[in-house]
Amino acid sequence: MVAVAGWQPDVQHKFGTSCKLPENKLEEPHYSSSSWYYSKKEIEENSPSRKDGIDLRKETCLRKLYCSFLQELGVKLKV
């Protein structure tokens, strides 16, 4: 198990992730008849992250940082 001690998501990390997002982060689906597609409003209002007080911008930043962390971990483990 890998622990990330002292990890601060609000600071730029060595991965080069700056957490700058385009204004139009999510696009509306082309068709919304299927239950697999959610509108931007549905995602923002019903996301577990929103219920925990994490906004869309911060959630996206955290996701990018975590993906970078996992990618680097995979490289170091030669996976």
Foldseek 3Di string as FASTA:
>chain_A
DDDDPPDDLCDQDPLRQPLDDDPCNDDADPDDPDPVGDGPVCCQVPPVCVVVVHGPSSVVSVVVVVVSVVVVVCVVVVD
